[in-house]
């Protein structure tokens, strides 16, 4: 490794690399320049294990970039070798942090595994459900998100949606044949109330075999 390589990947006093700082600042020209100089897109922030892709997909509120602009950052990172399945210190991948369908598309096309689980057993689908983002839920289902994965508390995406009373998300999951386990239904009787409100796919003569949970 040359001195230039070392400098472009050096951590500052806050444990950030120049590439991470460029992402936080929304400076696309700086990011592209750093990548050309050999900046490693997979070097994570020391404090929480966030990579540049985590930074870009996790920006929200006043920090959020326009969707089209964020995609430019993401594509530049991916084209330079960013690993879309790297997890931070909480076990979260970039896919678990975004609720934008366009960003989901970019990550999945780059090889993001839809059904990976974080340290609490939650998937990207569960994260979208809890944030009440029906567009993201639909996109993740289209990309193969499993309906029946359980987190460490034994809860599925549908059960999390019912707890929050997110009826639009509940309808999406129910129509997609989200099947809570018999045990879960006994423990969470309010799930039945919501299941009765929405048609089930199998009732229309269709079948939907549960997808195997992806290994970590």
N, C-alpha and C. Protein backbone atom coordinates (compact mmCIF):
# COMPACT_ATOMS: atom_id res chain seq x y z
N UNK A 1 0.85 -1.20 0.00
CA UNK A 1 0.00 0.00 0.00
C UNK A 1 0.88 1.25 0.00
N UNK A 2 0.60 2.15 -0.92
CA UNK A 2 1.40 3.37 -1.03
C UNK A 2 0.96 4.39 0.00
N UNK A 3 1.76 5.45 0.14
CA UNK A 3 1.41 6.52 1.07
C UNK A 3 0.09 7.17 0.67
N UNK A 4 -0.13 7.28 -0.65
CA UNK A 4 -1.38 7.88 -1.14
C UNK A 4 -2.58 7.02 -0.77
N UNK A 5 -2.41 5.70 -0.91
CA UNK A 5 -3.50 4.79 -0.54
C UNK A 5 -3.82 4.91 0.95
N UNK A 6 -2.79 5.01 1.75
CA UNK A 6 -2.98 5.13 3.19
C UNK A 6 -3.72 6.42 3.53
N UNK A 7 -3.34 7.50 2.89
CA UNK A 7 -3.95 8.80 3.18
C UNK A 7 -5.43 8.82 2.81
N UNK A 8 -5.77 8.23 1.68
CA UNK A 8 -7.14 8.29 1.20
C UNK A 8 -8.08 7.42 2.03
N UNK A 9 -7.50 6.50 2.80
CA UNK A 9 -8.31 5.62 3.65
C UNK A 9 -8.08 5.86 5.13
N UNK A 10 -7.42 6.95 5.47
CA UNK A 10 -7.06 7.21 6.88
C UNK A 10 -8.29 7.64 7.68
N UNK A 11 -8.39 7.16 8.89
CA UNK A 11 -9.48 7.56 9.80
C UNK A 11 -9.16 8.91 10.42
N UNK A 12 -10.21 9.73 10.56
CA UNK A 12 -10.01 11.00 11.26
C UNK A 12 -10.28 10.79 12.75
N UNK A 13 -10.30 11.88 13.51
CA UNK A 13 -10.46 11.76 14.96
C UNK A 13 -11.82 11.22 15.38
N UNK A 14 -12.80 11.25 14.48
CA UNK A 14 -14.13 10.72 14.78
C UNK A 14 -14.33 9.29 14.25
N UNK A 15 -13.26 8.73 13.71
CA UNK A 15 -13.34 7.37 13.20
C UNK A 15 -13.96 7.27 11.83
N UNK A 16 -13.96 8.37 11.08
CA UNK A 16 -14.51 8.37 9.72
C UNK A 16 -13.39 8.41 8.69
N UNK A 17 -13.63 7.78 7.55
CA UNK A 17 -12.70 7.90 6.43
C UNK A 17 -13.12 9.10 5.57
N UNK A 18 -12.23 9.58 4.70
CA UNK A 18 -12.62 10.67 3.79
C UNK A 18 -13.85 10.30 2.95
N UNK A 19 -13.98 9.04 2.58
CA UNK A 19 -15.12 8.61 1.76
C UNK A 19 -16.43 8.71 2.55
N UNK A 20 -16.37 8.32 3.80
CA UNK A 20 -17.56 8.44 4.66
C UNK A 20 -17.93 9.91 4.84
N UNK A 21 -16.95 10.74 5.02
CA UNK A 21 -17.23 12.18 5.17
C UNK A 21 -17.85 12.75 3.90
N UNK A 22 -17.39 12.30 2.74
CA UNK A 22 -17.95 12.77 1.47
C UNK A 22 -19.42 12.39 1.36
N UNK A 23 -19.75 11.19 1.83
CA UNK A 23 -21.14 10.74 1.81
C UNK A 23 -21.99 11.59 2.75
N UNK A 24 -21.49 11.85 3.95
CA UNK A 24 -22.24 12.64 4.92
C UNK A 24 -22.42 14.07 4.45
N UNK A 25 -21.47 14.57 3.71
CA UNK A 25 -21.54 15.94 3.22
C UNK A 25 -22.34 16.06 1.92
N UNK A 26 -22.66 14.90 1.30
CA UNK A 26 -23.37 14.92 0.04
C UNK A 26 -22.53 15.48 -1.09
N UNK A 27 -21.23 15.23 -1.04
CA UNK A 27 -20.29 15.77 -2.02
C UNK A 27 -19.94 14.68 -3.03
N UNK A 28 -20.68 14.63 -4.13
CA UNK A 28 -20.50 13.57 -5.12
C UNK A 28 -19.16 13.70 -5.85
N UNK A 29 -18.76 14.92 -6.18
CA UNK A 29 -17.49 15.11 -6.87
C UNK A 29 -16.33 14.62 -6.00
N UNK A 30 -16.39 14.93 -4.71
CA UNK A 30 -15.35 14.47 -3.79
C UNK A 30 -15.34 12.96 -3.69
N UNK A 31 -16.53 12.36 -3.61
CA UNK A 31 -16.63 10.91 -3.52
C UNK A 31 -16.00 10.25 -4.74
N UNK A 32 -16.33 10.74 -5.93
CA UNK A 32 -15.79 10.15 -7.15
C UNK A 32 -14.27 10.32 -7.22
N UNK A 33 -13.79 11.47 -6.78
CA UNK A 33 -12.35 11.70 -6.78
C UNK A 33 -11.63 10.74 -5.84
N UNK A 34 -12.21 10.54 -4.65
CA UNK A 34 -11.61 9.63 -3.68
C UNK A 34 -11.59 8.20 -4.19
N UNK A 35 -12.67 7.79 -4.84
CA UNK A 35 -12.73 6.43 -5.40
C UNK A 35 -11.65 6.24 -6.47
N UNK A 36 -11.45 7.25 -7.29
CA UNK A 36 -10.42 7.17 -8.32
C UNK A 36 -9.03 7.08 -7.71
N UNK A 37 -8.87 7.68 -6.52
CA UNK A 37 -7.58 7.65 -5.83
C UNK A 37 -7.36 6.35 -5.05
N UNK A 38 -8.37 5.49 -5.05
CA UNK A 38 -8.22 4.20 -4.38
C UNK A 38 -8.90 4.08 -3.04
N UNK A 39 -9.81 4.97 -2.73
CA UNK A 39 -10.53 4.87 -1.46
C UNK A 39 -11.31 3.55 -1.43
N UNK A 40 -11.26 2.88 -0.29
CA UNK A 40 -11.94 1.59 -0.13
C UNK A 40 -13.40 1.82 0.25
N UNK A 41 -14.36 1.44 -0.62
CA UNK A 41 -15.78 1.67 -0.32
C UNK A 41 -16.34 0.77 0.77
N UNK A 42 -15.53 -0.18 1.23
CA UNK A 42 -16.00 -1.11 2.27
C UNK A 42 -15.41 -0.84 3.64
N UNK A 43 -14.60 0.21 3.76
CA UNK A 43 -14.04 0.56 5.07
C UNK A 43 -15.13 1.21 5.91
N UNK A 44 -15.38 0.65 7.08
CA UNK A 44 -16.51 1.09 7.91
C UNK A 44 -16.08 2.12 8.96
N UNK A 45 -17.04 2.93 9.37
CA UNK A 45 -16.83 3.89 10.45
C UNK A 45 -16.57 3.12 11.74
N UNK A 46 -15.61 3.56 12.52
CA UNK A 46 -15.21 2.83 13.72
C UNK A 46 -16.31 2.75 14.77
N UNK A 47 -17.10 3.80 14.90
CA UNK A 47 -18.07 3.86 15.99
C UNK A 47 -19.20 2.85 15.87
N UNK A 48 -19.73 2.69 14.65
CA UNK A 48 -20.91 1.83 14.51
C UNK A 48 -20.82 0.82 13.37
N UNK A 49 -19.69 0.79 12.68
CA UNK A 49 -19.52 -0.18 11.61
C UNK A 49 -20.23 0.17 10.32
N UNK A 50 -20.66 1.42 10.19
CA UNK A 50 -21.36 1.83 8.97
C UNK A 50 -20.37 2.02 7.83
N UNK A 51 -20.69 1.44 6.68
CA UNK A 51 -19.91 1.66 5.47
C UNK A 51 -20.49 2.86 4.72
N UNK A 52 -19.83 3.34 3.68
CA UNK A 52 -20.41 4.43 2.90
C UNK A 52 -21.82 4.12 2.39
N UNK A 53 -22.09 2.87 2.01
CA UNK A 53 -23.44 2.52 1.56
C UNK A 53 -24.46 2.64 2.69
N UNK A 54 -24.06 2.25 3.90
CA UNK A 54 -24.94 2.44 5.05
C UNK A 54 -25.26 3.93 5.24
N UNK A 55 -24.23 4.75 5.08
CA UNK A 55 -24.43 6.19 5.25
C UNK A 55 -25.46 6.70 4.26
N UNK A 56 -25.30 6.31 2.99
CA UNK A 56 -26.19 6.83 1.95
C UNK A 56 -27.63 6.35 2.12
N UNK A 57 -27.83 5.09 2.49
CA UNK A 57 -29.19 4.57 2.64
C UNK A 57 -29.81 4.97 3.96
N UNK A 58 -28.99 5.40 4.92
CA UNK A 58 -29.50 5.76 6.23
C UNK A 58 -29.77 7.23 6.43
N UNK A 59 -29.45 8.05 5.41
CA UNK A 59 -29.70 9.49 5.54
C UNK A 59 -31.19 9.77 5.51
N UNK A 60 -31.65 10.58 6.47
CA UNK A 60 -33.06 10.96 6.48
C UNK A 60 -33.21 12.38 7.02
N UNK A 61 -34.45 12.84 7.05
CA UNK A 61 -34.70 14.19 7.57
C UNK A 61 -33.96 15.24 6.76
N UNK A 62 -33.35 16.18 7.45
CA UNK A 62 -32.65 17.28 6.79
C UNK A 62 -31.40 16.80 6.06
N UNK A 63 -30.88 15.64 6.46
CA UNK A 63 -29.67 15.13 5.83
C UNK A 63 -29.95 14.42 4.51
N UNK A 64 -31.20 14.03 4.29
CA UNK A 64 -31.54 13.23 3.11
C UNK A 64 -31.26 13.99 1.82
N UNK A 65 -30.73 13.25 0.85
CA UNK A 65 -30.50 13.81 -0.48
C UNK A 65 -31.70 13.50 -1.37
N UNK A 66 -31.90 14.27 -2.42
CA UNK A 66 -32.94 13.91 -3.39
C UNK A 66 -32.68 12.50 -3.89
N UNK A 67 -33.76 11.74 -4.13
CA UNK A 67 -33.61 10.32 -4.46
C UNK A 67 -32.67 10.09 -5.64
N UNK A 68 -32.82 10.86 -6.71
CA UNK A 68 -31.97 10.69 -7.87
C UNK A 68 -30.51 10.90 -7.56
N UNK A 69 -30.22 11.84 -6.66
CA UNK A 69 -28.84 12.14 -6.29
C UNK A 69 -28.26 11.02 -5.44
N UNK A 70 -29.05 10.49 -4.53
CA UNK A 70 -28.55 9.40 -3.68
C UNK A 70 -28.20 8.18 -4.52
N UNK A 71 -28.94 7.97 -5.60
CA UNK A 71 -28.66 6.82 -6.47
C UNK A 71 -27.32 6.98 -7.17
N UNK A 72 -26.93 8.21 -7.48
CA UNK A 72 -25.63 8.45 -8.10
C UNK A 72 -24.51 8.05 -7.14
N UNK A 73 -24.65 8.40 -5.88
CA UNK A 73 -23.67 8.00 -4.87
C UNK A 73 -23.60 6.48 -4.76
N UNK A 74 -24.77 5.86 -4.67
CA UNK A 74 -24.81 4.42 -4.49
C UNK A 74 -24.20 3.68 -5.68
N UNK A 75 -24.54 4.11 -6.88
CA UNK A 75 -24.00 3.46 -8.06
C UNK A 75 -22.48 3.61 -8.16
N UNK A 76 -22.00 4.80 -7.80
CA UNK A 76 -20.55 5.02 -7.83
C UNK A 76 -19.84 4.10 -6.84
N UNK A 77 -20.42 3.93 -5.67
CA UNK A 77 -19.83 3.05 -4.66
C UNK A 77 -19.87 1.59 -5.11
N UNK A 78 -21.00 1.17 -5.63
CA UNK A 78 -21.16 -0.22 -6.06
C UNK A 78 -20.22 -0.54 -7.22
N UNK A 79 -20.12 0.38 -8.17
CA UNK A 79 -19.23 0.17 -9.31
C UNK A 79 -17.76 0.10 -8.89
N UNK A 80 -17.46 0.67 -7.72
CA UNK A 80 -16.08 0.63 -7.20
C UNK A 80 -15.86 -0.52 -6.24
N UNK A 81 -16.85 -1.42 -6.15
CA UNK A 81 -16.66 -2.63 -5.36
C UNK A 81 -17.31 -2.66 -3.99
N UNK A 82 -18.22 -1.74 -3.72
CA UNK A 82 -18.90 -1.76 -2.41
C UNK A 82 -19.68 -3.06 -2.25
N UNK A 83 -19.54 -3.69 -1.10
CA UNK A 83 -20.25 -4.93 -0.78
C UNK A 83 -21.62 -4.57 -0.20
N UNK A 84 -22.68 -4.89 -0.93
CA UNK A 84 -24.03 -4.49 -0.51
C UNK A 84 -24.55 -5.30 0.66
N UNK A 85 -23.85 -6.37 1.03
CA UNK A 85 -24.33 -7.21 2.12
C UNK A 85 -23.51 -7.08 3.41
N UNK A 86 -22.59 -6.13 3.45
CA UNK A 86 -21.86 -5.92 4.69
C UNK A 86 -22.80 -5.41 5.77
N UNK A 87 -22.64 -5.91 6.98
CA UNK A 87 -23.49 -5.51 8.10
C UNK A 87 -22.73 -4.58 9.03
N UNK A 88 -23.48 -3.66 9.67
CA UNK A 88 -22.86 -2.79 10.66
C UNK A 88 -22.82 -3.51 12.01
N UNK A 89 -22.52 -2.81 13.07
CA UNK A 89 -22.36 -3.47 14.36
C UNK A 89 -23.68 -3.98 14.94
N UNK A 90 -24.80 -3.54 14.38
CA UNK A 90 -26.11 -4.06 14.80
C UNK A 90 -26.60 -5.17 13.87
N UNK A 91 -25.75 -5.53 12.93
CA UNK A 91 -26.12 -6.58 11.99
C UNK A 91 -26.98 -6.10 10.84
N UNK A 92 -27.09 -4.80 10.68
CA UNK A 92 -27.96 -4.24 9.63
C UNK A 92 -27.17 -4.03 8.33
N UNK A 93 -27.78 -4.44 7.23
CA UNK A 93 -27.21 -4.19 5.92
C UNK A 93 -27.81 -2.90 5.36
N UNK A 94 -27.23 -2.32 4.31
CA UNK A 94 -27.81 -1.11 3.72
C UNK A 94 -29.28 -1.28 3.33
N UNK A 95 -29.66 -2.48 2.89
CA UNK A 95 -31.05 -2.70 2.48
C UNK A 95 -32.01 -2.52 3.64
N UNK A 96 -31.56 -2.78 4.85
CA UNK A 96 -32.42 -2.64 6.03
C UNK A 96 -32.63 -1.19 6.44
N UNK A 97 -31.83 -0.29 5.86
CA UNK A 97 -31.89 1.11 6.26
C UNK A 97 -32.67 2.00 5.30
N UNK A 98 -32.92 1.50 4.10
CA UNK A 98 -33.63 2.32 3.12
C UNK A 98 -35.09 1.93 3.01
N UNK A 99 -35.93 2.92 2.77
CA UNK A 99 -37.35 2.66 2.51
C UNK A 99 -37.74 3.25 1.15
N UNK A 100 -36.76 3.51 0.30
CA UNK A 100 -37.02 4.06 -1.03
C UNK A 100 -36.98 2.94 -2.06
N UNK A 101 -38.06 2.70 -2.79
CA UNK A 101 -38.09 1.62 -3.77
C UNK A 101 -36.94 1.67 -4.77
N UNK A 102 -36.57 2.86 -5.23
CA UNK A 102 -35.48 2.97 -6.21
C UNK A 102 -34.16 2.50 -5.62
N UNK A 103 -33.92 2.82 -4.36
CA UNK A 103 -32.68 2.38 -3.70
C UNK A 103 -32.72 0.87 -3.47
N UNK A 104 -33.89 0.35 -3.13
CA UNK A 104 -34.03 -1.09 -2.97
C UNK A 104 -33.68 -1.79 -4.28
N UNK A 105 -34.17 -1.26 -5.39
CA UNK A 105 -33.89 -1.83 -6.71
C UNK A 105 -32.39 -1.88 -6.97
N UNK A 106 -31.71 -0.77 -6.72
CA UNK A 106 -30.27 -0.70 -6.97
C UNK A 106 -29.53 -1.74 -6.14
N UNK A 107 -29.87 -1.84 -4.86
CA UNK A 107 -29.18 -2.77 -3.97
C UNK A 107 -29.44 -4.22 -4.36
N UNK A 108 -30.69 -4.55 -4.66
CA UNK A 108 -31.02 -5.93 -5.01
C UNK A 108 -30.36 -6.33 -6.33
N UNK A 109 -30.36 -5.44 -7.30
CA UNK A 109 -29.71 -5.73 -8.57
C UNK A 109 -28.21 -5.92 -8.40
N UNK A 110 -27.66 -5.30 -7.37
CA UNK A 110 -26.22 -5.43 -7.09
C UNK A 110 -25.92 -6.65 -6.22
N UNK A 111 -26.95 -7.42 -5.89
CA UNK A 111 -26.73 -8.66 -5.14
C UNK A 111 -27.14 -8.64 -3.68
N UNK A 112 -27.85 -7.61 -3.24
CA UNK A 112 -28.28 -7.57 -1.84
C UNK A 112 -29.21 -8.74 -1.54
N UNK A 113 -28.95 -9.42 -0.43
CA UNK A 113 -29.78 -10.55 -0.01
C UNK A 113 -30.95 -10.02 0.80
N UNK A 114 -32.15 -10.24 0.28
CA UNK A 114 -33.35 -9.60 0.82
C UNK A 114 -33.71 -10.11 2.21
N UNK A 115 -33.39 -11.35 2.52
CA UNK A 115 -33.88 -11.95 3.76
C UNK A 115 -32.84 -12.08 4.86
N UNK A 116 -31.73 -11.39 4.74
CA UNK A 116 -30.77 -11.37 5.84
C UNK A 116 -31.42 -10.77 7.08
N UNK A 117 -30.95 -11.19 8.25
CA UNK A 117 -31.51 -10.70 9.51
C UNK A 117 -30.44 -10.00 10.34
N UNK A 118 -30.84 -8.96 11.05
CA UNK A 118 -29.89 -8.27 11.93
C UNK A 118 -29.77 -9.01 13.25
N UNK A 119 -29.11 -8.42 14.22
CA UNK A 119 -28.86 -9.12 15.49
C UNK A 119 -30.15 -9.37 16.28
N UNK A 120 -31.22 -8.67 15.94
CA UNK A 120 -32.51 -8.90 16.58
C UNK A 120 -33.41 -9.82 15.75
N UNK A 121 -32.85 -10.33 14.66
CA UNK A 121 -33.61 -11.23 13.82
C UNK A 121 -34.52 -10.53 12.82
N UNK A 122 -34.38 -9.23 12.67
CA UNK A 122 -35.28 -8.49 11.80
C UNK A 122 -34.70 -8.35 10.39
N UNK A 123 -35.59 -8.39 9.42
CA UNK A 123 -35.22 -8.29 8.01
C UNK A 123 -35.52 -6.89 7.48
N UNK A 124 -35.13 -6.66 6.23
CA UNK A 124 -35.45 -5.38 5.58
C UNK A 124 -36.96 -5.19 5.50
N UNK A 125 -37.70 -6.27 5.26
CA UNK A 125 -39.17 -6.19 5.20
C UNK A 125 -39.73 -5.74 6.54
N UNK A 126 -39.23 -6.29 7.61
CA UNK A 126 -39.71 -5.91 8.94
C UNK A 126 -39.42 -4.44 9.23
N UNK A 127 -38.25 -3.98 8.79
CA UNK A 127 -37.90 -2.57 9.00
C UNK A 127 -38.86 -1.67 8.25
N UNK A 128 -39.19 -2.02 7.01
CA UNK A 128 -40.13 -1.22 6.22
C UNK A 128 -41.52 -1.25 6.83
N UNK A 129 -41.91 -2.40 7.36
CA UNK A 129 -43.22 -2.53 8.01
C UNK A 129 -43.30 -1.61 9.22
N UNK A 130 -42.27 -1.64 10.05
CA UNK A 130 -42.29 -0.85 11.28
C UNK A 130 -42.25 0.65 11.00
N UNK A 131 -41.70 1.03 9.87
CA UNK A 131 -41.69 2.46 9.50
C UNK A 131 -42.94 2.83 8.70
N UNK A 132 -43.83 1.86 8.52
CA UNK A 132 -45.09 2.08 7.81
C UNK A 132 -44.84 2.67 6.41
N UNK A 133 -44.03 1.94 5.65
CA UNK A 133 -43.69 2.37 4.30
C UNK A 133 -44.22 1.35 3.29
N UNK A 134 -45.49 1.45 2.91
CA UNK A 134 -46.10 0.46 2.02
C UNK A 134 -45.40 0.33 0.68
N UNK A 135 -44.86 1.42 0.12
CA UNK A 135 -44.18 1.32 -1.16
C UNK A 135 -42.94 0.44 -1.05
N UNK A 136 -42.22 0.59 0.05
CA UNK A 136 -41.03 -0.23 0.27
C UNK A 136 -41.43 -1.68 0.53
N UNK A 137 -42.51 -1.88 1.28
CA UNK A 137 -42.99 -3.23 1.54
C UNK A 137 -43.32 -3.94 0.23
N UNK A 138 -44.05 -3.26 -0.64
CA UNK A 138 -44.41 -3.85 -1.93
C UNK A 138 -43.17 -4.18 -2.75
N UNK A 139 -42.22 -3.26 -2.80
CA UNK A 139 -41.00 -3.49 -3.58
C UNK A 139 -40.22 -4.67 -3.04
N UNK A 140 -40.09 -4.77 -1.72
CA UNK A 140 -39.36 -5.89 -1.12
C UNK A 140 -40.06 -7.21 -1.38
N UNK A 141 -41.40 -7.22 -1.33
CA UNK A 141 -42.14 -8.44 -1.66
C UNK A 141 -41.89 -8.84 -3.11
N UNK A 142 -41.86 -7.87 -4.00
CA UNK A 142 -41.59 -8.14 -5.41
C UNK A 142 -40.17 -8.67 -5.61
N UNK A 143 -39.27 -8.29 -4.71
CA UNK A 143 -37.88 -8.73 -4.81
C UNK A 143 -37.62 -10.04 -4.07
N UNK A 144 -38.68 -10.65 -3.55
CA UNK A 144 -38.53 -11.96 -2.93
C UNK A 144 -38.43 -11.98 -1.42
N UNK A 145 -38.83 -10.91 -0.76
CA UNK A 145 -38.79 -10.89 0.70
C UNK A 145 -39.70 -11.97 1.27
N UNK A 146 -39.18 -12.74 2.21
CA UNK A 146 -39.96 -13.82 2.81
C UNK A 146 -40.98 -13.26 3.79
N UNK A 147 -42.19 -13.80 3.70
CA UNK A 147 -43.28 -13.33 4.54
C UNK A 147 -43.27 -13.95 5.93
N UNK A 148 -42.60 -15.05 6.09
CA UNK A 148 -42.76 -15.83 7.31
C UNK A 148 -41.54 -15.90 8.20
N UNK A 149 -40.51 -15.14 7.89
CA UNK A 149 -39.34 -15.07 8.78
C UNK A 149 -39.77 -14.50 10.12
N UNK A 150 -39.25 -15.07 11.20
CA UNK A 150 -39.57 -14.58 12.55
C UNK A 150 -38.33 -13.93 13.15
N UNK A 151 -38.55 -12.84 13.89
CA UNK A 151 -37.44 -12.22 14.60
C UNK A 151 -37.16 -13.00 15.88
N UNK A 152 -36.28 -12.51 16.72
CA UNK A 152 -35.90 -13.25 17.92
C UNK A 152 -37.01 -13.33 18.95
N UNK A 153 -38.06 -12.52 18.78
CA UNK A 153 -39.23 -12.60 19.65
C UNK A 153 -40.33 -13.45 19.03
N UNK A 154 -40.03 -14.09 17.91
CA UNK A 154 -40.99 -14.95 17.25
C UNK A 154 -42.04 -14.22 16.44
N UNK A 155 -41.78 -12.96 16.11
CA UNK A 155 -42.78 -12.16 15.39
C UNK A 155 -42.45 -12.07 13.91
N UNK A 156 -43.50 -12.18 13.10
CA UNK A 156 -43.36 -12.01 11.66
C UNK A 156 -43.63 -10.56 11.28
N UNK A 157 -43.42 -10.25 10.01
CA UNK A 157 -43.70 -8.89 9.52
C UNK A 157 -45.17 -8.54 9.73
N UNK A 158 -46.07 -9.50 9.50
CA UNK A 158 -47.49 -9.25 9.67
C UNK A 158 -47.84 -8.93 11.12
N UNK A 159 -47.23 -9.64 12.04
CA UNK A 159 -47.51 -9.39 13.45
C UNK A 159 -47.01 -8.01 13.88
N UNK A 160 -45.86 -7.61 13.35
CA UNK A 160 -45.35 -6.28 13.67
C UNK A 160 -46.26 -5.20 13.11
N UNK A 161 -46.83 -5.46 11.94
CA UNK A 161 -47.75 -4.50 11.33
C UNK A 161 -49.03 -4.37 12.15
N UNK A 162 -49.53 -5.49 12.66
CA UNK A 162 -50.77 -5.43 13.45
C UNK A 162 -50.55 -4.70 14.77
N UNK A 163 -49.38 -4.89 15.35
CA UNK A 163 -49.09 -4.21 16.62
C UNK A 163 -49.14 -2.69 16.43
N UNK A 164 -48.68 -2.24 15.27
CA UNK A 164 -48.65 -0.80 14.99
C UNK A 164 -49.96 -0.31 14.38
N UNK A 165 -50.84 -1.23 13.99
CA UNK A 165 -52.11 -0.85 13.39
C UNK A 165 -51.96 -0.25 12.00
N UNK A 166 -50.91 -0.65 11.28
CA UNK A 166 -50.67 -0.13 9.94
C UNK A 166 -51.51 -0.90 8.92
N UNK A 167 -52.75 -0.46 8.74
CA UNK A 167 -53.70 -1.25 7.97
C UNK A 167 -53.32 -1.41 6.50
N UNK A 168 -52.72 -0.40 5.89
CA UNK A 168 -52.34 -0.53 4.48
C UNK A 168 -51.26 -1.59 4.31
N UNK A 169 -50.30 -1.61 5.22
CA UNK A 169 -49.25 -2.61 5.18
C UNK A 169 -49.82 -3.99 5.49
N UNK A 170 -50.74 -4.05 6.46
CA UNK A 170 -51.38 -5.32 6.80
C UNK A 170 -52.08 -5.90 5.57
N UNK A 171 -52.77 -5.05 4.84
CA UNK A 171 -53.48 -5.51 3.64
C UNK A 171 -52.51 -6.06 2.62
N UNK A 172 -51.39 -5.37 2.40
CA UNK A 172 -50.40 -5.85 1.45
C UNK A 172 -49.86 -7.22 1.84
N UNK A 173 -49.53 -7.37 3.11
CA UNK A 173 -48.97 -8.63 3.58
C UNK A 173 -50.00 -9.75 3.53
N UNK A 174 -51.22 -9.43 3.91
CA UNK A 174 -52.28 -10.43 3.91
C UNK A 174 -52.58 -10.91 2.49
N UNK A 175 -52.66 -9.98 1.56
CA UNK A 175 -52.92 -10.35 0.17
C UNK A 175 -51.77 -11.13 -0.42
N UNK A 176 -50.59 -10.93 0.11
CA UNK A 176 -49.42 -11.67 -0.35
C UNK A 176 -49.28 -13.00 0.37
N UNK A 177 -50.29 -13.35 1.14
CA UNK A 177 -50.35 -14.64 1.84
C UNK A 177 -49.38 -14.72 3.00
N UNK A 178 -49.35 -13.66 3.80
CA UNK A 178 -48.52 -13.66 5.00
C UNK A 178 -49.14 -14.57 6.04
N UNK A 179 -48.47 -15.63 6.38
CA UNK A 179 -49.01 -16.63 7.29
C UNK A 179 -48.31 -16.58 8.64
N UNK A 180 -49.00 -16.10 9.65
CA UNK A 180 -48.45 -16.15 11.01
C UNK A 180 -48.59 -17.59 11.51
N UNK A 181 -47.66 -18.02 12.34
CA UNK A 181 -47.72 -19.39 12.86
C UNK A 181 -48.90 -19.56 13.82
N UNK A 182 -49.34 -20.78 14.01
CA UNK A 182 -50.46 -21.05 14.92
C UNK A 182 -50.12 -20.58 16.33
N UNK A 183 -48.89 -20.80 16.72
CA UNK A 183 -48.47 -20.36 18.05
C UNK A 183 -48.56 -18.85 18.17
N UNK A 184 -48.10 -18.17 17.13
CA UNK A 184 -48.14 -16.71 17.16
C UNK A 184 -49.57 -16.21 17.22
N UNK A 185 -50.48 -16.86 16.50
CA UNK A 185 -51.87 -16.43 16.51
C UNK A 185 -52.48 -16.59 17.90
N UNK A 186 -52.11 -17.67 18.60
CA UNK A 186 -52.64 -17.87 19.95
C UNK A 186 -52.12 -16.81 20.90
N UNK A 187 -50.84 -16.45 20.70
CA UNK A 187 -50.23 -15.47 21.60
C UNK A 187 -50.66 -14.05 21.26
N UNK A 188 -51.01 -13.83 20.00
CA UNK A 188 -51.40 -12.50 19.55
C UNK A 188 -52.79 -12.57 18.91
N UNK A 189 -53.86 -12.75 19.70
CA UNK A 189 -55.20 -12.94 19.14
C UNK A 189 -55.68 -11.78 18.28
N UNK A 190 -55.11 -10.58 18.48
CA UNK A 190 -55.57 -9.45 17.68
C UNK A 190 -55.19 -9.62 16.21
N UNK A 191 -54.22 -10.54 15.91
CA UNK A 191 -53.87 -10.80 14.52
C UNK A 191 -55.07 -11.32 13.76
N UNK A 192 -55.87 -12.18 14.41
CA UNK A 192 -57.04 -12.75 13.75
C UNK A 192 -57.99 -11.67 13.26
N UNK A 193 -58.16 -10.63 14.05
CA UNK A 193 -59.07 -9.55 13.69
C UNK A 193 -58.67 -8.94 12.35
N UNK A 194 -57.37 -8.75 12.17
CA UNK A 194 -56.92 -8.15 10.92
C UNK A 194 -56.94 -9.13 9.77
N UNK A 195 -56.60 -10.38 10.04
CA UNK A 195 -56.63 -11.38 8.98
C UNK A 195 -58.03 -11.54 8.41
N UNK A 196 -59.04 -11.41 9.25
CA UNK A 196 -60.42 -11.57 8.81
C UNK A 196 -60.87 -10.43 7.91
N UNK A 197 -60.19 -9.28 8.00
CA UNK A 197 -60.60 -8.11 7.23
C UNK A 197 -60.12 -8.15 5.79
N UNK A 198 -59.06 -8.94 5.53
CA UNK A 198 -58.46 -8.90 4.21
C UNK A 198 -58.45 -10.29 3.59
N UNK A 199 -58.68 -10.39 2.26
CA UNK A 199 -58.70 -11.69 1.58
C UNK A 199 -57.33 -12.33 1.59
N UNK A 200 -57.29 -13.64 1.71
CA UNK A 200 -56.05 -14.40 1.66
C UNK A 200 -55.86 -14.96 0.28
N UNK A 201 -54.64 -15.01 -0.18
CA UNK A 201 -54.38 -15.46 -1.54
C UNK A 201 -54.85 -16.89 -1.76
N UNK A 202 -54.64 -17.76 -0.74
CA UNK A 202 -55.00 -19.15 -0.95
C UNK A 202 -56.51 -19.33 -1.10
N UNK A 203 -57.28 -18.37 -0.58
CA UNK A 203 -58.72 -18.48 -0.71
C UNK A 203 -59.17 -18.27 -2.14
N UNK A 204 -58.32 -17.63 -2.94
CA UNK A 204 -58.65 -17.40 -4.34
C UNK A 204 -58.12 -18.52 -5.23
N UNK A 205 -57.62 -19.58 -4.58
CA UNK A 205 -57.16 -20.73 -5.32
C UNK A 205 -55.70 -20.68 -5.70
N UNK A 206 -54.96 -19.77 -5.08
CA UNK A 206 -53.53 -19.65 -5.38
C UNK A 206 -52.74 -20.25 -4.23
N UNK A 207 -51.51 -20.56 -4.52
CA UNK A 207 -50.63 -21.06 -3.48
C UNK A 207 -49.37 -20.23 -3.46
N UNK A 208 -48.78 -20.15 -2.30
CA UNK A 208 -47.56 -19.36 -2.15
C UNK A 208 -46.70 -20.04 -1.11
N UNK A 209 -45.78 -20.88 -1.55
CA UNK A 209 -44.96 -21.63 -0.62
C UNK A 209 -43.99 -20.69 0.07
N UNK A 210 -43.84 -20.81 1.38
CA UNK A 210 -42.94 -19.92 2.10
C UNK A 210 -41.51 -20.09 1.63
N UNK A 211 -40.82 -18.99 1.50
CA UNK A 211 -39.43 -18.99 1.08
C UNK A 211 -38.55 -19.37 2.24
N UNK A 212 -37.50 -20.11 1.96
CA UNK A 212 -36.58 -20.47 3.02
C UNK A 212 -35.84 -19.24 3.50
N UNK A 213 -35.63 -19.17 4.80
CA UNK A 213 -34.94 -18.04 5.39
C UNK A 213 -33.49 -18.04 4.95
N UNK A 214 -33.00 -16.89 4.51
CA UNK A 214 -31.62 -16.80 4.04
C UNK A 214 -30.67 -16.96 5.19
N UNK A 215 -29.56 -17.62 4.93
CA UNK A 215 -28.55 -17.78 5.97
C UNK A 215 -27.70 -16.53 6.04
N UNK A 216 -27.18 -16.29 7.20
CA UNK A 216 -26.34 -15.12 7.38
C UNK A 216 -24.91 -15.44 7.00
